[in-house]
Amino acid sequence: TDADGLFTAAVERGWAADGHPGFPYTLDWSDRPVVVARMHWALCEAVAAAAVRFAVTGDPRTATLQHRWEELGERAFLDEAAGSWHHELTPEGAVAEFTWAGKPDAYHLVQMLLLREAPVRGSVAAAVRTP
């Protein structure tokens, strides 16, 4: 399906494209990293996509990726002192603020935390709705 192709391409072409763990923010048309920063939201979206893909396909490789990415987020992005996740890291994993200062949004992190355990439905709102 298109969704499988997109997921597979993101993993094969994006993950560690510059030799460092994580998804560089942007790649050029030849899949070379342009902006190498690791943004929290890209990892959050990857975890959520893997959770949904695993729920639909049961593919154990997808579950392995989901758990590997969750571990990276908790190890590298988690801000234990102030809460939430740091929004930007260098490829080496240092906290960075090249794009913006602070933590302007928590949307992606909250969505990831909700979706990774929610049933697959037509929207995030439907997935997290309680009967």
Protein backbone atom coordinates (compact mmCIF):
# COMPACT_ATOMS: atom_id res chain seq x y z
CA THR A 1 0.00 0.00 0.00
CA ASP A 2 0.98 3.64 -0.20
CA ALA A 3 1.26 3.81 3.59
CA ASP A 4 3.62 0.82 3.68
CA GLY A 5 5.74 2.34 0.93
CA LEU A 6 5.98 5.65 2.74
CA PHE A 7 6.87 3.99 6.04
CA THR A 8 9.49 1.76 4.42
CA ALA A 9 11.03 4.66 2.49
CA ALA A 10 11.28 6.75 5.65
CA VAL A 11 13.04 3.94 7.48
CA GLU A 12 15.37 2.96 4.65
CA ARG A 13 16.21 6.43 3.39
CA GLY A 14 15.81 8.61 6.46
CA TRP A 15 16.93 6.72 9.53
CA ALA A 16 20.58 7.51 10.34
CA ALA A 17 21.06 8.96 6.85
CA ASP A 18 24.17 10.75 8.11
CA GLY A 19 25.47 7.86 10.19
CA HIS A 20 23.99 9.07 13.49
CA PRO A 21 20.87 7.60 15.11
CA GLY A 22 17.67 9.44 14.32
CA PHE A 23 15.96 11.07 11.39
CA PRO A 24 17.73 14.13 9.97
CA TYR A 25 15.17 16.89 9.57
CA THR A 26 15.49 17.13 5.78
CA LEU A 27 17.05 15.19 2.93
CA ASP A 28 17.70 16.38 -0.60
CA TRP A 29 16.38 14.64 -3.72
CA SER A 30 19.36 12.26 -3.59
CA ASP A 31 18.60 11.34 0.04
CA ARG A 32 21.56 13.29 1.40
CA PRO A 33 20.93 15.14 4.67
CA VAL A 34 20.46 18.89 4.30
CA VAL A 35 19.38 19.85 7.82
CA VAL A 36 20.90 17.27 10.16
CA ALA A 37 19.13 18.37 13.35
CA ARG A 38 16.95 15.77 15.03
CA MET A 39 13.52 17.23 15.74
CA HIS A 40 11.41 15.69 18.47
CA TRP A 41 8.30 15.76 16.35
CA ALA A 42 9.83 13.64 13.58
CA LEU A 43 10.66 10.90 16.07
CA CYS A 44 7.22 11.20 17.69
CA GLU A 45 5.53 10.81 14.31
CA ALA A 46 7.73 7.80 13.53
CA VAL A 47 6.76 6.10 16.81
CA ALA A 48 3.07 6.79 16.20
CA ALA A 49 3.30 5.53 12.61
CA ALA A 50 5.07 2.37 13.76
CA ALA A 51 2.46 1.76 16.46
CA VAL A 52 -0.38 2.04 13.97
CA ARG A 53 1.44 -0.02 11.35
CA PHE A 54 2.14 -2.78 13.87
CA ALA A 55 -1.49 -2.77 15.03
CA VAL A 56 -2.65 -3.17 11.43
CA THR A 57 -0.03 -5.59 10.09
CA GLY A 58 1.33 -7.40 13.13
CA ASP A 59 4.79 -7.11 11.57
CA PRO A 60 7.26 -7.78 14.42
CA ARG A 61 9.98 -5.72 12.68
CA THR A 62 7.72 -2.69 12.99
CA ALA A 63 7.27 -3.32 16.72
CA THR A 64 11.05 -3.55 17.07
CA LEU A 65 11.47 -0.19 15.33
CA GLN A 66 8.77 1.37 17.49
CA HIS A 67 10.47 0.25 20.69
CA ARG A 68 13.92 1.29 19.44
CA TRP A 69 12.61 4.76 18.58
CA GLU A 70 10.75 5.09 21.90
CA GLU A 71 13.97 4.20 23.71
CA LEU A 72 15.89 6.82 21.74
CA GLY A 73 13.28 9.44 22.61
CA GLU A 74 13.35 8.60 26.29
CA ARG A 75 17.15 8.47 26.39
CA ALA A 76 18.03 11.44 24.18
CA PHE A 77 15.05 13.82 24.00
CA LEU A 78 13.55 13.52 27.48
CA ASP A 79 14.06 16.63 29.61
CA GLU A 80 13.91 15.22 33.12
CA ALA A 81 14.61 18.59 34.74
CA ALA A 82 11.86 20.63 33.08
CA GLY A 83 9.56 17.95 31.70
CA SER A 84 8.48 17.11 28.17
CA TRP A 85 11.08 16.47 25.47
CA HIS A 86 13.77 18.72 24.09
CA HIS A 87 12.62 19.79 20.64
CA GLU A 88 15.91 19.68 18.80
CA LEU A 89 19.14 17.70 19.07
CA THR A 90 22.38 17.70 17.14
CA PRO A 91 23.21 14.49 15.25
CA GLU A 92 25.46 13.58 18.19
CA GLY A 93 22.54 13.94 20.62
CA ALA A 94 23.31 17.28 22.27
CA VAL A 95 20.40 19.63 22.98
CA ALA A 96 20.25 22.35 20.32
CA GLU A 97 18.21 25.48 19.66
CA PHE A 98 19.19 26.35 16.10
CA THR A 99 15.60 26.36 14.84
CA TRP A 100 13.87 27.91 17.86
CA ALA A 101 14.39 28.30 21.58
CA GLY A 102 12.40 26.40 24.15
CA LYS A 103 9.59 23.94 23.67
CA PRO A 104 6.90 25.64 21.62
CA ASP A 105 4.67 22.60 21.24
CA ALA A 106 3.80 19.40 23.02
CA TYR A 107 1.27 18.24 20.43
CA HIS A 108 3.44 15.62 18.75
CA LEU A 109 4.63 14.11 22.00
CA VAL A 110 1.11 13.91 23.43
CA GLN A 111 -0.21 12.37 20.22
CA MET A 112 2.57 9.77 20.23
CA LEU A 113 1.92 8.85 23.84
CA LEU A 114 -1.80 8.46 23.14
CA LEU A 115 -1.56 6.64 19.80
CA ARG A 116 0.98 4.02 20.74
CA GLU A 117 -1.59 2.34 22.99
CA ALA A 118 -4.84 3.34 21.26
CA PRO A 119 -6.91 1.24 18.88
CA VAL A 120 -6.59 2.08 15.19
CA ARG A 121 -9.50 4.22 14.04
CA GLY A 122 -10.10 6.88 11.41
CA SER A 123 -8.60 9.77 13.38
CA VAL A 124 -6.60 10.56 16.49
CA ALA A 125 -9.75 11.87 18.18
CA ALA A 126 -11.62 8.64 17.44
CA ALA A 127 -8.68 6.53 18.59
CA VAL A 128 -8.46 8.15 22.01
CA ARG A 129 -12.19 8.62 22.59
CA THR A 130 -13.56 6.57 25.45
CA PRO A 131 -16.96 4.95 24.93
